[in-house]
Amino acid sequence: MVAWWWTLNNISRISNPLTSFMKGFLIGVGLTALVALIVGLTLDIRSFDRTSGGYEYPYDNWTGEIIDFSSMYQTSEGLYQKGYVIDLFFNCNHGLITWEVFGVFKGEFRTFSERAIVVHRPQDECESRGFNTNSWAISDLL
């Protein structure tokens, strides 16, 4: 019993080539995972909205690519876009955007803004898939 307790308390003092290799290996795996997480988050955030400009009413003079809602998966409540780290859910019944990280952490982002409704037109894809968007797809520009 005493030998076991001494080993646990003094494991860092043992200088062994295998121990040094394991420490280096685990540090390398941890750093690689951290870099992959940061790259995945960056790619997901950048791919969400690739448009710029047109932030003032009537939301014209914007440039870039609109969100391709037609390429998203359909769920019982709306559309789903899988990312590297962040998955996005677009609720077509209520116009709410929610996110999920690794299927563990979940949160509500926001509802579709009037600019998003006018520029990206998510209501068109939602309606073509059988959802009712009358409660949230409201703009005098439509």
C-alpha atoms as a PDB file:
ATOM      1  CA  MET A   1       0.000   0.000   0.000  1.00  0.00           C
ATOM      2  CA  VAL A   2       2.815   2.413   0.871  1.00  0.00           C
ATOM      3  CA  ALA A   3       4.660   1.682  -2.391  1.00  0.00           C
ATOM      4  CA  TRP A   4       1.531   2.459  -4.411  1.00  0.00           C
ATOM      5  CA  TRP A   5       1.015   5.768  -2.594  1.00  0.00           C
ATOM      6  CA  TRP A   6       4.676   6.740  -3.022  1.00  0.00           C
ATOM      7  CA  THR A   7       4.524   5.978  -6.769  1.00  0.00           C
ATOM      8  CA  LEU A   8       1.468   8.204  -7.287  1.00  0.00           C
ATOM      9  CA  ASN A   9       3.027  11.104  -5.389  1.00  0.00           C
ATOM     10  CA  ASN A  10       6.427  10.853  -7.054  1.00  0.00           C
ATOM     11  CA  ILE A  11       5.518   9.911 -10.634  1.00  0.00           C
ATOM     12  CA  SER A  12       6.812  13.237 -11.932  1.00  0.00           C
ATOM     13  CA  ARG A  13      10.243  12.530 -10.465  1.00  0.00           C
ATOM     14  CA  ILE A  14      10.692   9.313 -12.404  1.00  0.00           C
ATOM     15  CA  SER A  15      12.886  10.079 -15.391  1.00  0.00           C
ATOM     16  CA  ASN A  16      12.172   7.495 -17.991  1.00  0.00           C
ATOM     17  CA  PRO A  17      12.536   7.791 -21.782  1.00  0.00           C
ATOM     18  CA  LEU A  18       9.090   6.245 -22.189  1.00  0.00           C
ATOM     19  CA  THR A  19       7.556   8.798 -19.812  1.00  0.00           C
ATOM     20  CA  SER A  20       9.179  11.660 -21.718  1.00  0.00           C
ATOM     21  CA  PHE A  21       7.937  10.242 -25.016  1.00  0.00           C
ATOM     22  CA  MET A  22       4.390   9.895 -23.664  1.00  0.00           C
ATOM     23  CA  LYS A  23       4.384  13.455 -22.364  1.00  0.00           C
ATOM     24  CA  GLY A  24       5.568  14.769 -25.729  1.00  0.00           C
ATOM     25  CA  PHE A  25       3.064  12.611 -27.590  1.00  0.00           C
ATOM     26  CA  LEU A  26       0.144  13.769 -25.457  1.00  0.00           C
ATOM     27  CA  ILE A  27       1.182  17.411 -25.775  1.00  0.00           C
ATOM     28  CA  GLY A  28       1.388  16.975 -29.561  1.00  0.00           C
ATOM     29  CA  VAL A  29      -2.067  15.386 -29.721  1.00  0.00           C
ATOM     30  CA  GLY A  30      -3.517  18.153 -27.555  1.00  0.00           C
ATOM     31  CA  LEU A  31      -1.993  20.940 -29.650  1.00  0.00           C
ATOM     32  CA  THR A  32      -3.148  19.287 -32.883  1.00  0.00           C
ATOM     33  CA  ALA A  33      -6.696  18.995 -31.523  1.00  0.00           C
ATOM     34  CA  LEU A  34      -6.650  22.644 -30.432  1.00  0.00           C
ATOM     35  CA  VAL A  35      -5.472  23.840 -33.850  1.00  0.00           C
ATOM     36  CA  ALA A  36      -8.116  21.683 -35.576  1.00  0.00           C
ATOM     37  CA  LEU A  37     -10.804  23.161 -33.314  1.00  0.00           C
ATOM     38  CA  ILE A  38      -9.725  26.738 -34.069  1.00  0.00           C
ATOM     39  CA  VAL A  39      -9.549  26.085 -37.829  1.00  0.00           C
ATOM     40  CA  GLY A  40     -12.981  24.394 -37.793  1.00  0.00           C
ATOM     41  CA  LEU A  41     -14.573  27.253 -35.856  1.00  0.00           C
ATOM     42  CA  THR A  42     -13.049  29.807 -38.226  1.00  0.00           C
ATOM     43  CA  LEU A  43     -14.277  27.959 -41.328  1.00  0.00           C
ATOM     44  CA  ASP A  44     -17.787  27.537 -39.899  1.00  0.00           C
ATOM     45  CA  ILE A  45     -18.128  31.188 -38.904  1.00  0.00           C
ATOM     46  CA  ARG A  46     -16.819  32.441 -42.255  1.00  0.00           C
ATOM     47  CA  SER A  47     -19.120  30.159 -44.254  1.00  0.00           C
ATOM     48  CA  PHE A  48     -22.277  31.258 -42.461  1.00  0.00           C
ATOM     49  CA  ASP A  49     -22.910  34.539 -44.298  1.00  0.00           C
ATOM     50  CA  ARG A  50     -20.737  35.384 -47.280  1.00  0.00           C
ATOM     51  CA  THR A  51     -22.500  38.618 -48.165  1.00  0.00           C
ATOM     52  CA  SER A  52     -21.469  42.146 -47.325  1.00  0.00           C
ATOM     53  CA  GLY A  53     -23.124  45.512 -47.715  1.00  0.00           C
ATOM     54  CA  GLY A  54     -26.795  46.322 -47.938  1.00  0.00           C
ATOM     55  CA  TYR A  55     -27.173  46.694 -44.191  1.00  0.00           C
ATOM     56  CA  GLU A  56     -29.501  49.702 -44.411  1.00  0.00           C
ATOM     57  CA  TYR A  57     -33.094  49.708 -45.610  1.00  0.00           C
ATOM     58  CA  PRO A  58     -33.966  48.802 -48.475  1.00  0.00           C
ATOM     59  CA  TYR A  59     -31.074  46.257 -48.195  1.00  0.00           C
ATOM     60  CA  ASP A  60     -29.789  46.622 -51.729  1.00  0.00           C
ATOM     61  CA  ASN A  61     -26.246  47.058 -53.076  1.00  0.00           C
ATOM     62  CA  TRP A  62     -25.026  43.915 -51.316  1.00  0.00           C
ATOM     63  CA  THR A  63     -22.310  41.707 -52.783  1.00  0.00           C
ATOM     64  CA  GLY A  64     -21.248  38.099 -52.290  1.00  0.00           C
ATOM     65  CA  GLU A  65     -22.904  34.689 -52.195  1.00  0.00           C
ATOM     66  CA  ILE A  66     -26.257  34.173 -50.519  1.00  0.00           C
ATOM     67  CA  ILE A  67     -26.797  31.202 -48.221  1.00  0.00           C
ATOM     68  CA  ASP A  68     -27.676  28.106 -50.242  1.00  0.00           C
ATOM     69  CA  PHE A  69     -30.674  26.829 -48.310  1.00  0.00           C
ATOM     70  CA  SER A  70     -31.501  24.272 -51.013  1.00  0.00           C
ATOM     71  CA  SER A  71     -28.386  22.247 -50.143  1.00  0.00           C
ATOM     72  CA  MET A  72     -29.386  21.879 -46.474  1.00  0.00           C
ATOM     73  CA  TYR A  73     -30.922  18.836 -44.836  1.00  0.00           C
ATOM     74  CA  GLN A  74     -34.573  18.957 -43.825  1.00  0.00           C
ATOM     75  CA  THR A  75     -35.716  18.219 -40.281  1.00  0.00           C
ATOM     76  CA  SER A  76     -39.218  18.119 -38.833  1.00  0.00           C
ATOM     77  CA  GLU A  77     -38.961  21.809 -37.897  1.00  0.00           C
ATOM     78  CA  GLY A  78     -36.827  23.295 -40.651  1.00  0.00           C
ATOM     79  CA  LEU A  79     -33.394  23.158 -42.222  1.00  0.00           C
ATOM     80  CA  TYR A  80     -30.082  21.844 -40.909  1.00  0.00           C
ATOM     81  CA  GLN A  81     -26.548  22.723 -41.984  1.00  0.00           C
ATOM     82  CA  LYS A  82     -23.681  20.558 -40.716  1.00  0.00           C
ATOM     83  CA  GLY A  83     -20.407  22.320 -40.072  1.00  0.00           C
ATOM     84  CA  TYR A  84     -16.961  21.215 -38.972  1.00  0.00           C
ATOM     85  CA  VAL A  85     -17.611  22.265 -35.372  1.00  0.00           C
ATOM     86  CA  ILE A  86     -20.864  24.268 -35.372  1.00  0.00           C
ATOM     87  CA  ASP A  87     -24.129  22.860 -36.732  1.00  0.00           C
ATOM     88  CA  LEU A  88     -26.868  25.360 -37.582  1.00  0.00           C
ATOM     89  CA  PHE A  89     -30.615  24.811 -37.401  1.00  0.00           C
ATOM     90  CA  PHE A  90     -33.047  27.118 -39.193  1.00  0.00           C
ATOM     91  CA  ASN A  91     -36.533  26.748 -37.759  1.00  0.00           C
ATOM     92  CA  CYS A  92     -38.889  27.347 -40.678  1.00  0.00           C
ATOM     93  CA  ASN A  93     -41.965  27.526 -38.427  1.00  0.00           C
ATOM     94  CA  HIS A  94     -40.710  30.352 -36.211  1.00  0.00           C
ATOM     95  CA  GLY A  95     -37.758  31.875 -38.104  1.00  0.00           C
ATOM     96  CA  LEU A  96     -35.315  31.085 -35.307  1.00  0.00           C
ATOM     97  CA  ILE A  97     -31.641  30.268 -35.915  1.00  0.00           C
ATOM     98  CA  THR A  98     -30.047  27.953 -33.339  1.00  0.00           C
ATOM     99  CA  TRP A  99     -26.586  26.416 -33.129  1.00  0.00           C
ATOM    100  CA  GLU A 100     -25.010  23.321 -31.696  1.00  0.00           C
ATOM    101  CA  VAL A 101     -21.317  22.596 -31.024  1.00  0.00           C
ATOM    102  CA  PHE A 102     -20.329  18.914 -31.330  1.00  0.00           C
ATOM    103  CA  GLY A 103     -23.915  17.980 -30.494  1.00  0.00           C
ATOM    104  CA  VAL A 104     -23.280  18.921 -26.854  1.00  0.00           C
ATOM    105  CA  PHE A 105     -23.538  22.687 -26.415  1.00  0.00           C
ATOM    106  CA  LYS A 106     -26.711  24.273 -27.784  1.00  0.00           C
ATOM    107  CA  GLY A 107     -27.926  27.823 -27.993  1.00  0.00           C
ATOM    108  CA  GLU A 108     -30.254  30.220 -29.730  1.00  0.00           C
ATOM    109  CA  PHE A 109     -28.605  32.683 -32.076  1.00  0.00           C
ATOM    110  CA  ARG A 110     -31.442  34.937 -33.212  1.00  0.00           C
ATOM    111  CA  THR A 111     -34.438  35.168 -35.495  1.00  0.00           C
ATOM    112  CA  PHE A 112     -34.008  35.980 -39.160  1.00  0.00           C
ATOM    113  CA  SER A 113     -33.433  39.705 -39.584  1.00  0.00           C
ATOM    114  CA  GLU A 114     -35.332  41.684 -42.184  1.00  0.00           C
ATOM    115  CA  ARG A 115     -32.089  41.958 -44.190  1.00  0.00           C
ATOM    116  CA  ALA A 116     -31.705  38.150 -44.144  1.00  0.00           C
ATOM    117  CA  ILE A 117     -35.309  37.720 -45.246  1.00  0.00           C
ATOM    118  CA  VAL A 118     -34.859  40.168 -48.138  1.00  0.00           C
ATOM    119  CA  VAL A 119     -31.321  39.191 -49.250  1.00  0.00           C
ATOM    120  CA  HIS A 120     -31.068  35.449 -48.534  1.00  0.00           C
ATOM    121  CA  ARG A 121     -34.794  34.647 -48.884  1.00  0.00           C
ATOM    122  CA  PRO A 122     -34.952  31.615 -46.572  1.00  0.00           C
ATOM    123  CA  GLN A 123     -38.743  31.715 -46.721  1.00  0.00           C
ATOM    124  CA  ASP A 124     -38.692  30.588 -50.366  1.00  0.00           C
ATOM    125  CA  GLU A 125     -36.890  27.338 -49.543  1.00  0.00           C
ATOM    126  CA  CYS A 126     -38.963  26.781 -46.403  1.00  0.00           C
ATOM    127  CA  GLU A 127     -42.214  27.231 -48.328  1.00  0.00           C
ATOM    128  CA  SER A 128     -41.042  24.932 -51.135  1.00  0.00           C
ATOM    129  CA  ARG A 129     -40.448  22.239 -48.490  1.00  0.00           C
ATOM    130  CA  GLY A 130     -43.946  22.636 -47.039  1.00  0.00           C
ATOM    131  CA  PHE A 131     -43.432  24.949 -44.064  1.00  0.00           C
ATOM    132  CA  ASN A 132     -45.633  27.944 -43.224  1.00  0.00           C
ATOM    133  CA  THR A 133     -43.531  31.123 -42.993  1.00  0.00           C
ATOM    134  CA  ASN A 134     -46.340  33.657 -42.584  1.00  0.00           C
ATOM    135  CA  SER A 135     -45.485  34.327 -38.938  1.00  0.00           C
ATOM    136  CA  TRP A 136     -41.872  35.450 -39.491  1.00  0.00           C
ATOM    137  CA  ALA A 137     -41.177  36.192 -43.165  1.00  0.00           C
ATOM    138  CA  ILE A 138     -42.541  39.714 -42.967  1.00  0.00           C
ATOM    139  CA  SER A 139     -41.122  42.653 -44.911  1.00  0.00           C
ATOM    140  CA  ASP A 140     -42.708  45.368 -47.008  1.00  0.00           C
ATOM    141  CA  LEU A 141     -39.938  44.680 -49.564  1.00  0.00           C
ATOM    142  CA  LEU A 142     -41.229  41.183 -50.422  1.00  0.00           C
END
